[in-house]
Amino acid sequence: LRDNVMVSAGAKVLGSFTIGENSKIGAGAVVLEEVPPDCT
């Protein structure tokens, strides 16, 4: 997880990849692949 990332309640981030700067992961989301910077 790069700088300023927010991961909301109950979210699962599973695997060896990168969540870009300033990104948000919504509540209950299951993230399985890379997320570029500044994304929701």
PDB file of all heavy atoms in Angstrom:
ATOM      1  N   LEU A   1       0.857  -1.191   0.000  1.00  0.00           N
ATOM      2  CA  LEU A   1       0.000   0.000   0.000  1.00  0.00           C
ATOM      3  C   LEU A   1       0.891   1.239   0.000  1.00  0.00           C
ATOM      4  O   LEU A   1       1.699   1.429   0.917  1.00  0.00           O
ATOM      5  CB  LEU A   1      -0.920   0.026   1.230  1.00  0.00           C
ATOM      6  CG  LEU A   1      -2.225  -0.775   1.158  1.00  0.00           C
ATOM      7  CD1 LEU A   1      -1.974  -2.253   0.896  1.00  0.00           C
ATOM      8  CD2 LEU A   1      -3.045  -0.589   2.431  1.00  0.00           C
ATOM      9  N   ARG A   2       0.753   2.046  -1.020  1.00  0.00           N
ATOM     10  CA  ARG A   2       1.542   3.272  -1.101  1.00  0.00           C
ATOM     11  C   ARG A   2       0.957   4.341  -0.162  1.00  0.00           C
ATOM     12  O   ARG A   2      -0.058   4.133   0.494  1.00  0.00           O
ATOM     13  CB  ARG A   2       1.572   3.782  -2.541  1.00  0.00           C
ATOM     14  CG  ARG A   2       2.195   2.813  -3.531  1.00  0.00           C
ATOM     15  CD  ARG A   2       3.638   2.492  -3.196  1.00  0.00           C
ATOM     16  NE  ARG A   2       4.284   1.695  -4.253  1.00  0.00           N
ATOM     17  CZ  ARG A   2       5.450   1.099  -4.124  1.00  0.00           C
ATOM     18  NH1 ARG A   2       6.115   1.201  -2.985  1.00  0.00           N
ATOM     19  NH2 ARG A   2       5.960   0.392  -5.120  1.00  0.00           N
ATOM     20  N   ASP A   3       1.574   5.502  -0.163  1.00  0.00           N
ATOM     21  CA  ASP A   3       1.192   6.564   0.769  1.00  0.00           C
ATOM     22  C   ASP A   3      -0.270   6.988   0.604  1.00  0.00           C
ATOM     23  O   ASP A   3      -0.805   7.018  -0.509  1.00  0.00           O
ATOM     24  CB  ASP A   3       2.074   7.797   0.549  1.00  0.00           C
ATOM     25  CG  ASP A   3       3.540   7.522   0.862  1.00  0.00           C
ATOM     26  OD1 ASP A   3       3.833   6.470   1.449  1.00  0.00           O
ATOM     27  OD2 ASP A   3       4.371   8.371   0.511  1.00  0.00           O
ATOM     28  N   ASN A   4      -0.900   7.330   1.741  1.00  0.00           N
ATOM     29  CA  ASN A   4      -2.234   7.940   1.797  1.00  0.00           C
ATOM     30  C   ASN A   4      -3.370   7.028   1.343  1.00  0.00           C
ATOM     31  O   ASN A   4      -4.448   7.510   0.991  1.00  0.00           O
ATOM     32  CB  ASN A   4      -2.274   9.235   0.957  1.00  0.00           C
ATOM     33  CG  ASN A   4      -1.242  10.247   1.403  1.00  0.00           C
ATOM     34  OD1 ASN A   4      -1.084  10.497   2.591  1.00  0.00           O
ATOM     35  ND2 ASN A   4      -0.523  10.809   0.447  1.00  0.00           N
ATOM     36  N   VAL A   5      -3.173   5.723   1.352  1.00  0.00           N
ATOM     37  CA  VAL A   5      -4.242   4.792   0.984  1.00  0.00           C
ATOM     38  C   VAL A   5      -5.206   4.624   2.154  1.00  0.00           C
ATOM     39  O   VAL A   5      -4.787   4.591   3.315  1.00  0.00           O
ATOM     40  CB  VAL A   5      -3.660   3.423   0.574  1.00  0.00           C
ATOM     41  CG1 VAL A   5      -4.747   2.354   0.475  1.00  0.00           C
ATOM     42  CG2 VAL A   5      -2.934   3.548  -0.757  1.00  0.00           C
ATOM     43  N   MET A   6      -6.501   4.524   1.853  1.00  0.00           N
ATOM     44  CA  MET A   6      -7.511   4.250   2.866  1.00  0.00           C
ATOM     45  C   MET A   6      -8.233   2.956   2.499  1.00  0.00           C
ATOM     46  O   MET A   6      -8.707   2.794   1.374  1.00  0.00           O
ATOM     47  CB  MET A   6      -8.543   5.374   2.959  1.00  0.00           C
ATOM     48  CG  MET A   6      -9.533   5.182   4.104  1.00  0.00           C
ATOM     49  SD  MET A   6     -10.906   6.351   4.037  1.00  0.00           S
ATOM     50  CE  MET A   6     -11.928   5.577   2.782  1.00  0.00           C
ATOM     51  N   VAL A   7      -8.315   2.021   3.452  1.00  0.00           N
ATOM     52  CA  VAL A   7      -9.007   0.746   3.242  1.00  0.00           C
ATOM     53  C   VAL A   7     -10.175   0.695   4.228  1.00  0.00           C
ATOM     54  O   VAL A   7      -9.966   0.677   5.444  1.00  0.00           O
ATOM     55  CB  VAL A   7      -8.071  -0.454   3.443  1.00  0.00           C
ATOM     56  CG1 VAL A   7      -8.793  -1.744   3.060  1.00  0.00           C
ATOM     57  CG2 VAL A   7      -6.799  -0.290   2.606  1.00  0.00           C
ATOM     58  N   SER A   8     -11.393   0.660   3.722  1.00  0.00           N
ATOM     59  CA  SER A   8     -12.588   0.779   4.549  1.00  0.00           C
ATOM     60  C   SER A   8     -12.956  -0.532   5.233  1.00  0.00           C
ATOM     61  O   SER A   8     -12.383  -1.591   4.943  1.00  0.00           O
ATOM     62  CB  SER A   8     -13.760   1.269   3.692  1.00  0.00           C
ATOM     63  OG  SER A   8     -13.463   2.532   3.120  1.00  0.00           O
ATOM     64  N   ALA A   9     -13.937  -0.465   6.107  1.00  0.00           N
ATOM     65  CA  ALA A   9     -14.301  -1.579   6.990  1.00  0.00           C
ATOM     66  C   ALA A   9     -14.607  -2.859   6.219  1.00  0.00           C
ATOM     67  O   ALA A   9     -15.367  -2.853   5.249  1.00  0.00           O
ATOM     68  CB  ALA A   9     -15.507  -1.186   7.846  1.00  0.00           C
ATOM     69  N   GLY A  10     -14.009  -3.956   6.675  1.00  0.00           N
ATOM     70  CA  GLY A  10     -14.306  -5.267   6.119  1.00  0.00           C
ATOM     71  C   GLY A  10     -13.675  -5.577   4.786  1.00  0.00           C
ATOM     72  O   GLY A  10     -13.885  -6.662   4.246  1.00  0.00           O
ATOM     73  N   ALA A  11     -12.904  -4.670   4.229  1.00  0.00           N
ATOM     74  CA  ALA A  11     -12.290  -4.908   2.919  1.00  0.00           C
ATOM     75  C   ALA A  11     -11.149  -5.912   3.029  1.00  0.00           C
ATOM     76  O   ALA A  11     -10.466  -5.997   4.049  1.00  0.00           O
ATOM     77  CB  ALA A  11     -11.784  -3.604   2.319  1.00  0.00           C
ATOM     78  N   LYS A  12     -10.950  -6.694   1.957  1.00  0.00           N
ATOM     79  CA  LYS A  12      -9.882  -7.685   1.886  1.00  0.00           C
ATOM     80  C   LYS A  12      -9.004  -7.372   0.677  1.00  0.00           C
ATOM     81  O   LYS A  12      -9.511  -7.279  -0.447  1.00  0.00           O
ATOM     82  CB  LYS A  12     -10.444  -9.104   1.753  1.00  0.00           C
ATOM     83  CG  LYS A  12     -11.589  -9.422   2.723  1.00  0.00           C
ATOM     84  CD  LYS A  12     -11.194  -9.291   4.178  1.00  0.00           C
ATOM     85  CE  LYS A  12     -12.384  -9.555   5.097  1.00  0.00           C
ATOM     86  NZ  LYS A  12     -12.041  -9.285   6.526  1.00  0.00           N
ATOM     87  N   VAL A  13      -7.721  -7.239   0.927  1.00  0.00           N
ATOM     88  CA  VAL A  13      -6.754  -7.015  -0.150  1.00  0.00           C
ATOM     89  C   VAL A  13      -5.816  -8.220  -0.123  1.00  0.00           C
ATOM     90  O   VAL A  13      -5.019  -8.382   0.800  1.00  0.00           O
ATOM     91  CB  VAL A  13      -5.971  -5.703   0.058  1.00  0.00           C
ATOM     92  CG1 VAL A  13      -5.054  -5.444  -1.128  1.00  0.00           C
ATOM     93  CG2 VAL A  13      -6.935  -4.534   0.252  1.00  0.00           C
ATOM     94  N   LEU A  14      -5.924  -9.068  -1.144  1.00  0.00           N
ATOM     95  CA  LEU A  14      -5.284 -10.389  -1.099  1.00  0.00           C
ATOM     96  C   LEU A  14      -4.354 -10.587  -2.280  1.00  0.00           C
ATOM     97  O   LEU A  14      -4.786 -10.575  -3.433  1.00  0.00           O
ATOM     98  CB  LEU A  14      -6.353 -11.489  -1.101  1.00  0.00           C
ATOM     99  CG  LEU A  14      -7.454 -11.381  -0.031  1.00  0.00           C
ATOM    100  CD1 LEU A  14      -8.496 -12.468  -0.239  1.00  0.00           C
ATOM    101  CD2 LEU A  14      -6.858 -11.465   1.363  1.00  0.00           C
ATOM    102  N   GLY A  15      -3.066 -10.766  -1.992  1.00  0.00           N
ATOM    103  CA  GLY A  15      -2.114 -11.050  -3.054  1.00  0.00           C
ATOM    104  C   GLY A  15      -0.952 -10.077  -3.052  1.00  0.00           C
ATOM    105  O   GLY A  15      -0.943  -9.065  -2.360  1.00  0.00           O
ATOM    106  N   SER A  16       0.054 -10.406  -3.878  1.00  0.00           N
ATOM    107  CA  SER A  16       1.265  -9.599  -3.972  1.00  0.00           C
ATOM    108  C   SER A  16       1.143  -8.610  -5.128  1.00  0.00           C
ATOM    109  O   SER A  16       1.542  -8.890  -6.256  1.00  0.00           O
ATOM    110  CB  SER A  16       2.487 -10.496  -4.177  1.00  0.00           C
ATOM    111  OG  SER A  16       3.650  -9.727  -4.334  1.00  0.00           O
ATOM    112  N   PHE A  17       0.568  -7.465  -4.860  1.00  0.00           N
ATOM    113  CA  PHE A  17       0.428  -6.397  -5.855  1.00  0.00           C
ATOM    114  C   PHE A  17       0.398  -5.069  -5.114  1.00  0.00           C
ATOM    115  O   PHE A  17       0.460  -5.029  -3.880  1.00  0.00           O
ATOM    116  CB  PHE A  17      -0.821  -6.592  -6.724  1.00  0.00           C
ATOM    117  CG  PHE A  17      -2.079  -6.777  -5.923  1.00  0.00           C
ATOM    118  CD1 PHE A  17      -2.784  -5.688  -5.436  1.00  0.00           C
ATOM    119  CD2 PHE A  17      -2.569  -8.046  -5.650  1.00  0.00           C
ATOM    120  CE1 PHE A  17      -3.942  -5.855  -4.689  1.00  0.00           C
ATOM    121  CE2 PHE A  17      -3.716  -8.227  -4.902  1.00  0.00           C
ATOM    122  CZ  PHE A  17      -4.404  -7.126  -4.424  1.00  0.00           C
ATOM    123  N   THR A  18       0.269  -3.989  -5.853  1.00  0.00           N
ATOM    124  CA  THR A  18       0.390  -2.654  -5.271  1.00  0.00           C
ATOM    125  C   THR A  18      -0.923  -1.879  -5.366  1.00  0.00           C
ATOM    126  O   THR A  18      -1.581  -1.891  -6.404  1.00  0.00           O
ATOM    127  CB  THR A  18       1.500  -1.863  -5.979  1.00  0.00           C
ATOM    128  OG1 THR A  18       2.744  -2.552  -5.799  1.00  0.00           O
ATOM    129  CG2 THR A  18       1.633  -0.455  -5.417  1.00  0.00           C
ATOM    130  N   ILE A  19      -1.275  -1.222  -4.273  1.00  0.00           N
ATOM    131  CA  ILE A  19      -2.357  -0.241  -4.268  1.00  0.00           C
ATOM    132  C   ILE A  19      -1.702   1.131  -4.349  1.00  0.00           C
ATOM    133  O   ILE A  19      -0.939   1.517  -3.460  1.00  0.00           O
ATOM    134  CB  ILE A  19      -3.220  -0.344  -2.985  1.00  0.00           C
ATOM    135  CG1 ILE A  19      -3.726  -1.772  -2.779  1.00  0.00           C
ATOM    136  CG2 ILE A  19      -4.374   0.651  -3.053  1.00  0.00           C
ATOM    137  CD1 ILE A  19      -4.666  -2.265  -3.849  1.00  0.00           C
ATOM    138  N   GLY A  20      -1.991   1.876  -5.404  1.00  0.00           N
ATOM    139  CA  GLY A  20      -1.303   3.136  -5.656  1.00  0.00           C
ATOM    140  C   GLY A  20      -1.638   4.243  -4.672  1.00  0.00           C
ATOM    141  O   GLY A  20      -2.628   4.174  -3.927  1.00  0.00           O
ATOM    142  N   GLU A  21      -0.838   5.288  -4.693  1.00  0.00           N
ATOM    143  CA  GLU A  21      -0.993   6.413  -3.779  1.00  0.00           C
ATOM    144  C   GLU A  21      -2.396   7.017  -3.857  1.00  0.00           C
ATOM    145  O   GLU A  21      -3.004   7.110  -4.921  1.00  0.00           O
ATOM    146  CB  GLU A  21       0.020   7.515  -4.090  1.00  0.00           C
ATOM    147  CG  GLU A  21       1.473   7.139  -3.864  1.00  0.00           C
ATOM    148  CD  GLU A  21       2.101   6.464  -5.061  1.00  0.00           C
ATOM    149  OE1 GLU A  21       1.356   6.088  -5.987  1.00  0.00           O
ATOM    150  OE2 GLU A  21       3.337   6.311  -5.062  1.00  0.00           O
ATOM    151  N   ASN A  22      -2.896   7.453  -2.690  1.00  0.00           N
ATOM    152  CA  ASN A  22      -4.150   8.211  -2.574  1.00  0.00           C
ATOM    153  C   ASN A  22      -5.392   7.434  -2.990  1.00  0.00           C
ATOM    154  O   ASN A  22      -6.442   8.032  -3.226  1.00  0.00           O
ATOM    155  CB  ASN A  22      -4.074   9.512  -3.404  1.00  0.00           C
ATOM    156  CG  ASN A  22      -2.835  10.327  -3.108  1.00  0.00           C
ATOM    157  OD1 ASN A  22      -2.382  10.371  -1.973  1.00  0.00           O
ATOM    158  ND2 ASN A  22      -2.282  10.957  -4.125  1.00  0.00           N
ATOM    159  N   SER A  23      -5.300   6.114  -3.072  1.00  0.00           N
ATOM    160  CA  SER A  23      -6.446   5.315  -3.485  1.00  0.00           C
ATOM    161  C   SER A  23      -7.328   4.957  -2.293  1.00  0.00           C
ATOM    162  O   SER A  23      -6.875   4.928  -1.148  1.00  0.00           O
ATOM    163  CB  SER A  23      -5.997   4.036  -4.195  1.00  0.00           C
ATOM    164  OG  SER A  23      -5.443   4.334  -5.451  1.00  0.00           O
ATOM    165  N   LYS A  24      -8.614   4.677  -2.588  1.00  0.00           N
ATOM    166  CA  LYS A  24      -9.584   4.258  -1.586  1.00  0.00           C
ATOM    167  C   LYS A  24     -10.111   2.874  -1.938  1.00  0.00           C
ATOM    168  O   LYS A  24     -10.423   2.599  -3.099  1.00  0.00           O
ATOM    169  CB  LYS A  24     -10.782   5.211  -1.548  1.00  0.00           C
ATOM    170  CG  LYS A  24     -10.532   6.544  -0.909  1.00  0.00           C
ATOM    171  CD  LYS A  24     -11.859   7.320  -0.889  1.00  0.00           C
ATOM    172  CE  LYS A  24     -11.716   8.651  -0.204  1.00  0.00           C
ATOM    173  NZ  LYS A  24     -13.020   9.375  -0.152  1.00  0.00           N
ATOM    174  N   ILE A  25     -10.241   2.034  -0.924  1.00  0.00           N
ATOM    175  CA  ILE A  25     -10.877   0.733  -1.083  1.00  0.00           C
ATOM    176  C   ILE A  25     -12.175   0.784  -0.293  1.00  0.00           C
ATOM    177  O   ILE A  25     -12.166   1.041   0.912  1.00  0.00           O
ATOM    178  CB  ILE A  25      -9.988  -0.412  -0.558  1.00  0.00           C
ATOM    179  CG1 ILE A  25      -8.574  -0.318  -1.160  1.00  0.00           C
ATOM    180  CG2 ILE A  25     -10.637  -1.750  -0.861  1.00  0.00           C
ATOM    181  CD1 ILE A  25      -8.527  -0.399  -2.661  1.00  0.00           C
ATOM    182  N   GLY A  26     -13.316   0.559  -0.949  1.00  0.00           N
ATOM    183  CA  GLY A  26     -14.622   0.673  -0.313  1.00  0.00           C
ATOM    184  C   GLY A  26     -14.889  -0.445   0.681  1.00  0.00           C
ATOM    185  O   GLY A  26     -14.265  -1.512   0.646  1.00  0.00           O
ATOM    186  N   ALA A  27     -15.842  -0.199   1.570  1.00  0.00           N
ATOM    187  CA  ALA A  27     -16.198  -1.169   2.603  1.00  0.00           C
ATOM    188  C   ALA A  27     -16.657  -2.481   1.977  1.00  0.00           C
ATOM    189  O   ALA A  27     -17.472  -2.493   1.051  1.00  0.00           O
ATOM    190  CB  ALA A  27     -17.298  -0.596   3.494  1.00  0.00           C
ATOM    191  N   GLY A  28     -16.112  -3.598   2.487  1.00  0.00           N
ATOM    192  CA  GLY A  28     -16.509  -4.921   2.023  1.00  0.00           C
ATOM    193  C   GLY A  28     -15.925  -5.344   0.696  1.00  0.00           C
ATOM    194  O   GLY A  28     -16.224  -6.445   0.219  1.00  0.00           O
ATOM    195  N   ALA A  29     -15.094  -4.526   0.077  1.00  0.00           N
ATOM    196  CA  ALA A  29     -14.516  -4.877  -1.219  1.00  0.00           C
ATOM    197  C   ALA A  29     -13.499  -6.005  -1.065  1.00  0.00           C
ATOM    198  O   ALA A  29     -12.877  -6.164  -0.012  1.00  0.00           O
ATOM    199  CB  ALA A  29     -13.850  -3.663  -1.858  1.00  0.00           C
ATOM    200  N   VAL A  30     -13.337  -6.794  -2.131  1.00  0.00           N
ATOM    201  CA  VAL A  30     -12.306  -7.828  -2.176  1.00  0.00           C
ATOM    202  C   VAL A  30     -11.412  -7.512  -3.377  1.00  0.00           C
ATOM    203  O   VAL A  30     -11.814  -7.679  -4.523  1.00  0.00           O
ATOM    204  CB  VAL A  30     -12.916  -9.235  -2.320  1.00  0.00           C
ATOM    205  CG1 VAL A  30     -11.809 -10.280  -2.419  1.00  0.00           C
ATOM    206  CG2 VAL A  30     -13.833  -9.549  -1.144  1.00  0.00           C
ATOM    207  N   VAL A  31     -10.202  -7.046  -3.089  1.00  0.00           N
ATOM    208  CA  VAL A  31      -9.292  -6.586  -4.141  1.00  0.00           C
ATOM    209  C   VAL A  31      -8.271  -7.680  -4.416  1.00  0.00           C
ATOM    210  O   VAL A  31      -7.563  -8.133  -3.516  1.00  0.00           O
ATOM    211  CB  VAL A  31      -8.577  -5.288  -3.720  1.00  0.00           C
ATOM    212  CG1 VAL A  31      -7.718  -4.757  -4.860  1.00  0.00           C
ATOM    213  CG2 VAL A  31      -9.602  -4.237  -3.304  1.00  0.00           C
ATOM    214  N   LEU A  32      -8.189  -8.090  -5.694  1.00  0.00           N
ATOM    215  CA  LEU A  32      -7.336  -9.212  -6.075  1.00  0.00           C
ATOM    216  C   LEU A  32      -6.301  -8.844  -7.135  1.00  0.00           C
ATOM    217  O   LEU A  32      -5.578  -9.712  -7.609  1.00  0.00           O
ATOM    218  CB  LEU A  32      -8.197 -10.372  -6.597  1.00  0.00           C
ATOM    219  CG  LEU A  32      -9.259 -10.909  -5.627  1.00  0.00           C
ATOM    220  CD1 LEU A  32     -10.140 -11.932  -6.325  1.00  0.00           C
ATOM    221  CD2 LEU A  32      -8.605 -11.515  -4.386  1.00  0.00           C
ATOM    222  N   GLU A  33      -6.270  -7.577  -7.518  1.00  0.00           N
ATOM    223  CA  GLU A  33      -5.300  -7.171  -8.532  1.00  0.00           C
ATOM    224  C   GLU A  33      -4.881  -5.724  -8.296  1.00  0.00           C
ATOM    225  O   GLU A  33      -5.502  -4.992  -7.529  1.00  0.00           O
ATOM    226  CB  GLU A  33      -5.875  -7.326  -9.940  1.00  0.00           C
ATOM    227  CG  GLU A  33      -7.150  -6.554 -10.174  1.00  0.00           C
ATOM    228  CD  GLU A  33      -7.749  -6.841 -11.531  1.00  0.00           C
ATOM    229  OE1 GLU A  33      -7.446  -7.903 -12.105  1.00  0.00           O
ATOM    230  OE2 GLU A  33      -8.527  -5.993 -12.024  1.00  0.00           O
ATOM    231  N   GLU A  34      -3.831  -5.312  -8.988  1.00  0.00           N
ATOM    232  CA  GLU A  34      -3.207  -4.005  -8.770  1.00  0.00           C
ATOM    233  C   GLU A  34      -4.173  -2.851  -9.021  1.00  0.00           C
ATOM    234  O   GLU A  34      -5.039  -2.909  -9.903  1.00  0.00           O
ATOM    235  CB  GLU A  34      -1.982  -3.871  -9.676  1.00  0.00           C
ATOM    236  CG  GLU A  34      -1.167  -2.633  -9.419  1.00  0.00           C
ATOM    237  CD  GLU A  34       0.256  -2.745  -9.951  1.00  0.00           C
ATOM    238  OE1 GLU A  34       0.761  -3.865 -10.047  1.00  0.00           O
ATOM    239  OE2 GLU A  34       0.846  -1.688 -10.241  1.00  0.00           O
ATOM    240  N   VAL A  35      -4.001  -1.793  -8.221  1.00  0.00           N
ATOM    241  CA  VAL A  35      -4.821  -0.592  -8.347  1.00  0.00           C
ATOM    242  C   VAL A  35      -3.895   0.594  -8.607  1.00  0.00           C
ATOM    243  O   VAL A  35      -2.958   0.830  -7.836  1.00  0.00           O
ATOM    244  CB  VAL A  35      -5.637  -0.350  -7.058  1.00  0.00           C
ATOM    245  CG1 VAL A  35      -6.409   0.958  -7.158  1.00  0.00           C
ATOM    246  CG2 VAL A  35      -6.574  -1.514  -6.794  1.00  0.00           C
ATOM    247  N   PRO A  36      -4.114   1.361  -9.681  1.00  0.00           N
ATOM    248  CA  PRO A  36      -3.268   2.528  -9.956  1.00  0.00           C
ATOM    249  C   PRO A  36      -3.480   3.624  -8.913  1.00  0.00           C
ATOM    250  O   PRO A  36      -4.426   3.567  -8.121  1.00  0.00           O
ATOM    251  CB  PRO A  36      -3.758   2.983 -11.341  1.00  0.00           C
ATOM    252  CG  PRO A  36      -4.511   1.835 -11.896  1.00  0.00           C
ATOM    253  CD  PRO A  36      -5.102   1.111 -10.737  1.00  0.00           C
ATOM    254  N   PRO A  37      -2.634   4.631  -8.898  1.00  0.00           N
ATOM    255  CA  PRO A  37      -2.808   5.739  -7.955  1.00  0.00           C
ATOM    256  C   PRO A  37      -4.115   6.499  -8.190  1.00  0.00           C
ATOM    257  O   PRO A  37      -4.670   6.493  -9.297  1.00  0.00           O
ATOM    258  CB  PRO A  37      -1.600   6.649  -8.246  1.00  0.00           C
ATOM    259  CG  PRO A  37      -0.593   5.753  -8.890  1.00  0.00           C
ATOM    260  CD  PRO A  37      -1.388   4.748  -9.674  1.00  0.00           C
ATOM    261  N   ASP A  38      -4.621   7.156  -7.127  1.00  0.00           N
ATOM    262  CA  ASP A  38      -5.776   8.048  -7.205  1.00  0.00           C
ATOM    263  C   ASP A  38      -7.034   7.358  -7.713  1.00  0.00           C
ATOM    264  O   ASP A  38      -7.785   7.921  -8.508  1.00  0.00           O
ATOM    265  CB  ASP A  38      -5.461   9.254  -8.108  1.00  0.00           C
ATOM    266  CG  ASP A  38      -4.221  10.002  -7.653  1.00  0.00           C
ATOM    267  OD1 ASP A  38      -4.221  10.490  -6.505  1.00  0.00           O
ATOM    268  OD2 ASP A  38      -3.252  10.078  -8.429  1.00  0.00           O
ATOM    269  N   CYS A  39      -7.283   6.144  -7.261  1.00  0.00           N
ATOM    270  CA  CYS A  39      -8.454   5.395  -7.706  1.00  0.00           C
ATOM    271  C   CYS A  39      -9.358   5.040  -6.530  1.00  0.00           C
ATOM    272  O   CYS A  39      -8.918   5.000  -5.382  1.00  0.00           O
ATOM    273  CB  CYS A  39      -8.034   4.103  -8.414  1.00  0.00           C
ATOM    274  SG  CYS A  39      -7.298   4.358 -10.038  1.00  0.00           S
ATOM    275  N   THR A  40     -10.622   4.788  -6.845  1.00  0.00           N
ATOM    276  CA  THR A  40     -11.579   4.276  -5.874  1.00  0.00           C
ATOM    277  C   THR A  40     -12.034   2.900  -6.345  1.00  0.00           C
ATOM    278  O   THR A  40     -12.416   2.732  -7.500  1.00  0.00           O
ATOM    279  CB  THR A  40     -12.800   5.201  -5.746  1.00  0.00           C
ATOM    280  OG1 THR A  40     -12.361   6.492  -5.300  1.00  0.00           O
ATOM    281  CG2 THR A  40     -13.803   4.654  -4.743  1.00  0.00           C
TER     282      THR A  40
END
